[in-house]
């Protein structure tokens, strides 16, 4: 799926109308009221809109009651960073505490009541992205509104991985400059969050996702390798490489492990590292820097780039640039 430029948001509000407008801009609310009408109110909300995702972290000082109508075109996950929340959706109640989150479907109103000093992570994912990712992962069509369990356990292995990705996006949304502004970095992170979501939640296709997907033929691997070598600056993701290869992401991953002893994204990083090496060798030292070359090829952390470069080429990238 195509991922456009990241759009960052940051709100500080001290009244409910302002908070409702802030949340409604990239998420959704229909009502918001203080549990204690005499309490003071402070609301902070920071995050990013990226392709089919909106991810944010919020903090409220006083307990509130929130109501939402049908979400219609997306799934919404809310889980606790601190404090607790009681949620009601589609006739079921969910207690949201650290490590346990609520999953809201496109159809069905939502009611939430939070504790005081409630901090939460909020994730909105377009329903089409969820559907397409689930179909791609299991290898066959699924209903347009797949039924997911209303709870997500962030303490499971897949839940912990997804939680780390969500927190990473929130951390990067608050950074300046943010790596999410770089398409080569943002696109695979976007895909990882959507894919991680369908792996972290419970549903009827859970067992199919956990079954091995074998790749005995080298053909899908060769197709992906050729695409990466031909245009490594493209913001490839596991799913886009799988489409090029004519295989599922799980099948292509197995193929790379089986035939090249690596993963598609690790291979892509090596291809880009080679391009960066070639550019450093050919560059005029006074005309560029190691950081500029690294960033151009999707390496946003110069120290990590330098470490990877030394492991492959046996010297610092600065030595290559200077001709030493």
Protein backbone atom coordinates (compact mmCIF):
# COMPACT_ATOMS: atom_id res chain seq x y z
CA UNK A 1 0.00 0.00 0.00
CA UNK A 2 1.24 3.47 -0.86
CA UNK A 3 2.41 5.60 2.06
CA UNK A 4 2.34 9.38 1.62
CA UNK A 5 4.24 11.99 3.65
CA UNK A 6 3.93 11.73 7.43
CA UNK A 7 1.71 14.35 9.06
CA UNK A 8 2.55 15.11 12.69
CA UNK A 9 0.18 16.51 15.31
CA UNK A 10 0.60 17.85 18.83
CA UNK A 11 -2.16 19.24 21.03
CA UNK A 12 -2.33 20.78 24.52
CA UNK A 13 -5.84 21.54 25.72
CA UNK A 14 -7.39 22.63 29.02
CA UNK A 15 -11.07 22.32 28.15
CA UNK A 16 -13.22 19.50 26.85
CA UNK A 17 -14.31 21.26 23.66
CA UNK A 18 -10.69 21.78 22.65
CA UNK A 19 -9.81 18.18 23.48
CA UNK A 20 -12.79 16.85 21.54
CA UNK A 21 -11.81 18.90 18.49
CA UNK A 22 -8.19 17.74 18.73
CA UNK A 23 -9.08 14.05 18.92
CA UNK A 24 -11.71 14.43 16.22
CA UNK A 25 -9.20 15.85 13.78
CA UNK A 26 -7.38 12.55 13.16
CA UNK A 27 -9.42 10.10 15.26
CA UNK A 28 -13.07 10.50 16.27
CA UNK A 29 -15.30 11.42 19.18
CA UNK A 30 -18.98 12.27 19.45
CA UNK A 31 -19.10 13.12 23.14
CA UNK A 32 -16.65 13.83 25.95
CA UNK A 33 -17.59 14.62 29.54
CA UNK A 34 -15.77 14.78 32.87
CA UNK A 35 -16.61 12.04 35.34
CA UNK A 36 -16.26 14.69 38.06
CA UNK A 37 -17.69 17.89 36.59
CA UNK A 38 -15.81 20.01 39.13
CA UNK A 39 -12.36 18.58 38.29
CA UNK A 40 -9.69 20.51 36.43
CA UNK A 41 -8.74 19.21 33.03
CA UNK A 42 -5.47 18.92 31.14
CA UNK A 43 -5.07 17.00 27.87
CA UNK A 44 -1.95 16.22 25.82
CA UNK A 45 -1.99 14.35 22.55
CA UNK A 46 0.94 13.77 20.18
CA UNK A 47 1.27 11.50 17.19
CA UNK A 48 1.48 10.99 13.46
CA UNK A 49 -0.77 10.20 10.52
CA UNK A 50 1.03 7.89 8.10
CA UNK A 51 -0.73 6.25 5.18
CA UNK A 52 -3.49 3.99 6.52
CA UNK A 53 -2.43 4.71 10.12
CA UNK A 54 -2.92 7.33 12.76
CA UNK A 55 -0.91 6.64 15.92
CA UNK A 56 -0.74 8.81 19.01
CA UNK A 57 -0.08 8.90 22.73
CA UNK A 58 -2.27 10.94 25.05
CA UNK A 59 -2.40 11.91 28.71
CA UNK A 60 -5.43 13.24 30.58
CA UNK A 61 -5.45 14.53 34.14
CA UNK A 62 -9.06 13.75 35.09
CA UNK A 63 -11.37 10.86 34.31
CA UNK A 64 -13.64 11.29 31.30
CA UNK A 65 -16.52 9.53 29.61
CA UNK A 66 -16.17 9.29 25.85
CA UNK A 67 -18.72 8.16 23.28
CA UNK A 68 -18.13 7.35 19.62
CA UNK A 69 -20.54 6.39 16.85
CA UNK A 70 -19.71 3.77 14.21
CA UNK A 71 -16.12 4.14 13.07
CA UNK A 72 -17.23 3.04 9.57
CA UNK A 73 -13.95 2.86 7.67
CA UNK A 74 -11.39 1.84 10.28
CA UNK A 75 -10.41 -0.23 13.29
CA UNK A 76 -9.34 1.55 16.45
CA UNK A 77 -7.16 0.24 19.28
CA UNK A 78 -6.74 1.93 22.63
CA UNK A 79 -4.43 0.63 25.32
CA UNK A 80 -3.05 1.95 28.55
CA UNK A 81 0.31 3.55 29.19
CA UNK A 82 -0.86 4.38 32.73
CA UNK A 83 -4.15 4.17 34.56
CA UNK A 84 -7.19 2.17 33.47
CA UNK A 85 -10.27 2.39 31.30
CA UNK A 86 -13.58 0.56 31.01
CA UNK A 87 -14.80 0.16 27.43
CA UNK A 88 -18.07 -1.11 25.97
CA UNK A 89 -18.43 -2.10 22.31
CA UNK A 90 -20.74 -4.40 20.34
CA UNK A 91 -22.35 -5.72 23.51
CA UNK A 92 -19.06 -6.63 25.20
CA UNK A 93 -17.11 -4.98 28.01
CA UNK A 94 -13.33 -4.66 28.04
CA UNK A 95 -11.18 -3.60 30.97
CA UNK A 96 -8.17 -1.70 29.63
CA UNK A 97 -5.14 -1.83 31.92
CA UNK A 98 -1.38 -1.80 31.19
CA UNK A 99 -0.76 -4.78 28.93
CA UNK A 100 -4.38 -5.18 27.78
CA UNK A 101 -6.05 -3.10 25.06
CA UNK A 102 -9.46 -2.73 23.45
CA UNK A 103 -10.12 -3.31 19.73
CA UNK A 104 -13.09 -1.45 18.20
CA UNK A 105 -14.60 -2.55 14.89
CA UNK A 106 -15.86 -0.31 12.08
CA UNK A 107 -19.47 -1.08 13.04
CA UNK A 108 -20.82 -0.56 16.54
CA UNK A 109 -20.77 2.45 18.90
CA UNK A 110 -18.08 2.75 21.56
CA UNK A 111 -18.34 3.99 25.16
CA UNK A 112 -15.25 4.52 27.34
CA UNK A 113 -14.74 5.66 30.92
CA UNK A 114 -11.19 6.41 32.03
CA UNK A 115 -9.52 6.75 35.39
CA UNK A 116 -7.80 9.94 36.47
CA UNK A 117 -4.27 10.40 35.10
CA UNK A 118 -4.96 8.08 32.21
CA UNK A 119 -2.23 7.75 29.60
CA UNK A 120 -2.99 5.80 26.46
CA UNK A 121 -1.79 4.76 23.05
CA UNK A 122 -4.32 5.16 20.27
CA UNK A 123 -4.03 3.43 16.89
CA UNK A 124 -6.39 3.94 13.97
CA UNK A 125 -6.01 1.58 11.00
CA UNK A 126 -8.09 1.79 7.84
CA UNK A 127 -10.29 -1.27 7.51
CA UNK A 128 -9.18 -1.82 3.92
CA UNK A 129 -5.55 -2.04 5.04
CA UNK A 130 -6.46 -4.58 7.73
CA UNK A 131 -8.45 -6.64 5.24
CA UNK A 132 -5.77 -6.59 2.54
CA UNK A 133 -3.00 -7.44 4.99
CA UNK A 134 -4.91 -10.32 6.52
CA UNK A 135 -5.73 -11.72 3.07
CA UNK A 136 -2.12 -11.43 1.98
CA UNK A 137 -0.88 -13.12 5.14
CA UNK A 138 -3.26 -16.10 5.03
CA UNK A 139 -3.21 -16.41 1.22
CA UNK A 140 -6.96 -16.37 0.55
CA UNK A 141 -9.93 -13.94 0.70
CA UNK A 142 -11.45 -12.99 4.05
CA UNK A 143 -14.70 -11.12 4.78
CA UNK A 144 -14.62 -7.36 4.19
CA UNK A 145 -15.17 -6.78 7.92
CA UNK A 146 -13.16 -9.57 9.58
CA UNK A 147 -14.29 -10.31 13.12
CA UNK A 148 -11.47 -9.65 15.60
CA UNK A 149 -11.53 -10.26 19.32
CA UNK A 150 -12.33 -7.07 21.29
CA UNK A 151 -9.20 -7.47 23.43
CA UNK A 152 -5.54 -7.41 22.45
CA UNK A 153 -2.94 -8.83 24.83
CA UNK A 154 0.23 -6.71 24.69
CA UNK A 155 1.97 -9.23 26.97
CA UNK A 156 2.07 -12.00 24.34
CA UNK A 157 5.11 -12.29 22.06
CA UNK A 158 3.30 -10.81 19.05
CA UNK A 159 1.62 -8.22 21.29
CA UNK A 160 4.97 -7.06 22.71
CA UNK A 161 6.41 -6.70 19.21
CA UNK A 162 3.43 -4.65 18.08
CA UNK A 163 3.55 -2.49 21.22
CA UNK A 164 7.24 -1.70 20.54
CA UNK A 165 6.38 -0.59 17.00
CA UNK A 166 3.55 1.64 18.19
CA UNK A 167 5.78 3.22 20.82
CA UNK A 168 8.53 3.72 18.24
CA UNK A 169 6.15 5.64 15.97
CA UNK A 170 5.00 7.77 18.90
CA UNK A 171 8.60 8.49 19.92
CA UNK A 172 9.52 9.42 16.36
CA UNK A 173 6.45 11.63 16.05
CA UNK A 174 7.85 13.72 18.90
CA UNK A 175 11.36 13.92 17.40
CA UNK A 176 12.67 16.69 15.20
CA UNK A 177 13.72 15.78 12.62
CA UNK A 178 11.83 12.47 12.52
CA UNK A 179 12.89 9.38 10.58
CA UNK A 180 9.22 9.08 9.59
CA UNK A 181 9.84 11.89 7.12
CA UNK A 182 12.10 9.55 5.12
CA UNK A 183 10.07 7.33 2.74
CA UNK A 184 12.60 4.47 2.85
CA UNK A 185 12.09 4.28 6.63
CA UNK A 186 8.43 5.25 6.96
CA UNK A 187 7.01 2.76 4.43
CA UNK A 188 8.35 -0.44 6.06
CA UNK A 189 7.46 0.84 9.53
CA UNK A 190 3.91 1.53 8.34
CA UNK A 191 3.65 -2.01 6.92
CA UNK A 192 5.11 -3.51 10.09
CA UNK A 193 2.46 -1.85 12.28
CA UNK A 194 -0.45 -3.00 10.09
CA UNK A 195 0.95 -6.53 9.74
CA UNK A 196 1.81 -6.61 13.45
CA UNK A 197 -1.77 -5.74 14.30
CA UNK A 198 -3.26 -8.75 12.50
CA UNK A 199 -0.68 -10.97 14.20
CA UNK A 200 -1.27 -9.48 17.67
CA UNK A 201 -5.07 -9.79 17.67
CA UNK A 202 -7.09 -12.97 18.00
CA UNK A 203 -9.36 -14.10 15.13
CA UNK A 204 -10.45 -17.22 13.24
CA UNK A 205 -7.34 -17.11 10.99
CA UNK A 206 -4.92 -17.15 13.92
CA UNK A 207 -3.74 -20.73 13.29
CA UNK A 208 -3.21 -20.06 9.57
CA UNK A 209 -0.90 -17.15 10.40
CA UNK A 210 1.17 -19.35 12.69
CA UNK A 211 1.60 -22.19 10.18
CA UNK A 212 4.92 -22.25 8.26
CA UNK A 213 4.79 -21.05 4.66
CA UNK A 214 7.45 -22.83 2.61
CA UNK A 215 9.26 -21.50 -0.45
CA UNK A 216 11.10 -24.26 -2.32
CA UNK A 217 11.49 -22.35 -5.59
CA UNK A 218 14.18 -19.68 -6.07
CA UNK A 219 12.04 -17.76 -8.58
CA UNK A 220 10.24 -15.43 -6.10
CA UNK A 221 13.58 -14.67 -4.43
CA UNK A 222 15.21 -13.86 -7.78
CA UNK A 223 12.36 -11.50 -8.70
CA UNK A 224 12.64 -9.63 -5.40
CA UNK A 225 16.43 -9.46 -5.61
CA UNK A 226 16.30 -8.08 -9.16
CA UNK A 227 13.81 -5.38 -8.11
CA UNK A 228 15.97 -4.31 -5.18
CA UNK A 229 19.16 -4.23 -7.23
CA UNK A 230 17.50 -2.34 -10.09
CA UNK A 231 16.11 0.50 -7.95
CA UNK A 232 17.19 0.31 -4.29
CA UNK A 233 15.99 3.87 -3.60
CA UNK A 234 12.38 2.70 -3.90
CA UNK A 235 10.58 2.62 -0.50
CA UNK A 236 10.20 -1.15 -0.59
CA UNK A 237 8.27 -2.96 2.12
CA UNK A 238 7.87 -6.70 2.77
CA UNK A 239 4.41 -6.62 1.18
CA UNK A 240 5.48 -4.66 -1.91
CA UNK A 241 8.41 -7.04 -2.46
CA UNK A 242 6.05 -9.99 -2.05
CA UNK A 243 3.76 -8.57 -4.75
CA UNK A 244 6.72 -8.17 -7.10
CA UNK A 245 7.86 -11.71 -6.32
CA UNK A 246 4.40 -13.20 -6.80
CA UNK A 247 4.37 -14.73 -3.33
CA UNK A 248 3.06 -13.96 0.13
CA UNK A 249 5.31 -12.10 2.56
CA UNK A 250 5.66 -15.22 4.69
CA UNK A 251 6.58 -17.35 1.66
CA UNK A 252 9.13 -14.80 0.43
CA UNK A 253 10.62 -14.53 3.92
CA UNK A 254 11.06 -18.29 4.01
CA UNK A 255 12.62 -18.21 0.54
CA UNK A 256 15.22 -15.64 1.54
CA UNK A 257 16.03 -17.61 4.69
CA UNK A 258 16.25 -20.88 2.80
CA UNK A 259 18.21 -19.73 -0.26
CA UNK A 260 20.16 -16.66 0.91
CA UNK A 261 20.28 -17.11 4.70
CA UNK A 262 18.88 -13.63 5.28
CA UNK A 263 15.58 -11.72 5.15
CA UNK A 264 14.23 -9.51 2.35
CA UNK A 265 14.68 -6.29 4.33
CA UNK A 266 18.16 -7.24 5.54
CA UNK A 267 19.14 -7.96 1.93
CA UNK A 268 17.73 -4.57 0.91
CA UNK A 269 19.82 -2.83 3.59
CA UNK A 270 22.93 -4.56 2.22
CA UNK A 271 22.12 -3.42 -1.34
CA UNK A 272 21.69 0.14 -0.12
CA UNK A 273 24.89 -0.09 1.91
CA UNK A 274 26.74 -1.04 -1.28
CA UNK A 275 25.25 1.97 -3.09
CA UNK A 276 26.34 4.21 -0.23
CA UNK A 277 29.83 2.68 -0.45
CA UNK A 278 30.01 3.38 -4.19
CA UNK A 279 28.87 6.96 -3.62
CA UNK A 280 31.44 7.54 -0.87
CA UNK A 281 34.22 6.19 -3.08
CA UNK A 282 33.24 8.47 -5.98
CA UNK A 283 32.42 11.62 -3.98
CA UNK A 284 34.49 14.73 -3.55
CA UNK A 285 35.12 14.96 0.23
CA UNK A 286 34.45 18.71 0.31
CA UNK A 287 31.14 18.30 -1.54
CA UNK A 288 29.32 15.89 0.80
CA UNK A 289 29.42 14.15 4.19
CA UNK A 290 29.04 10.63 5.48
CA UNK A 291 25.77 11.65 7.17
CA UNK A 292 24.34 13.03 3.91
CA UNK A 293 25.18 9.87 1.98
CA UNK A 294 23.86 7.62 4.77
CA UNK A 295 20.58 9.53 4.97
CA UNK A 296 20.14 9.47 1.20
CA UNK A 297 20.19 5.66 1.31
CA UNK A 298 17.78 5.32 4.22
CA UNK A 299 20.28 5.05 7.09
CA UNK A 300 18.94 7.62 9.51
CA UNK A 301 21.28 6.79 12.40
CA UNK A 302 24.84 7.60 11.32
CA UNK A 303 26.45 5.61 14.13
CA UNK A 304 24.53 2.46 13.13
CA UNK A 305 25.42 3.09 9.48
CA UNK A 306 29.09 3.39 10.41
CA UNK A 307 28.97 0.16 12.41
CA UNK A 308 27.29 -1.75 9.56
CA UNK A 309 29.76 -0.24 7.09
CA UNK A 310 32.78 -1.36 9.14
CA UNK A 311 31.37 -4.89 9.41
CA UNK A 312 31.15 -5.17 5.61
CA UNK A 313 34.08 -3.04 4.38
CA UNK A 314 36.49 -3.25 7.31
CA UNK A 315 36.94 0.49 7.80
CA UNK A 316 35.02 3.64 8.68
CA UNK A 317 32.90 5.29 5.97
CA UNK A 318 34.80 8.53 6.56
CA UNK A 319 38.01 6.80 5.52
CA UNK A 320 36.40 5.79 2.24
CA UNK A 321 35.14 9.32 1.63
CA UNK A 322 38.54 10.87 2.29
CA UNK A 323 40.30 8.29 0.11
CA UNK A 324 42.39 6.88 2.95
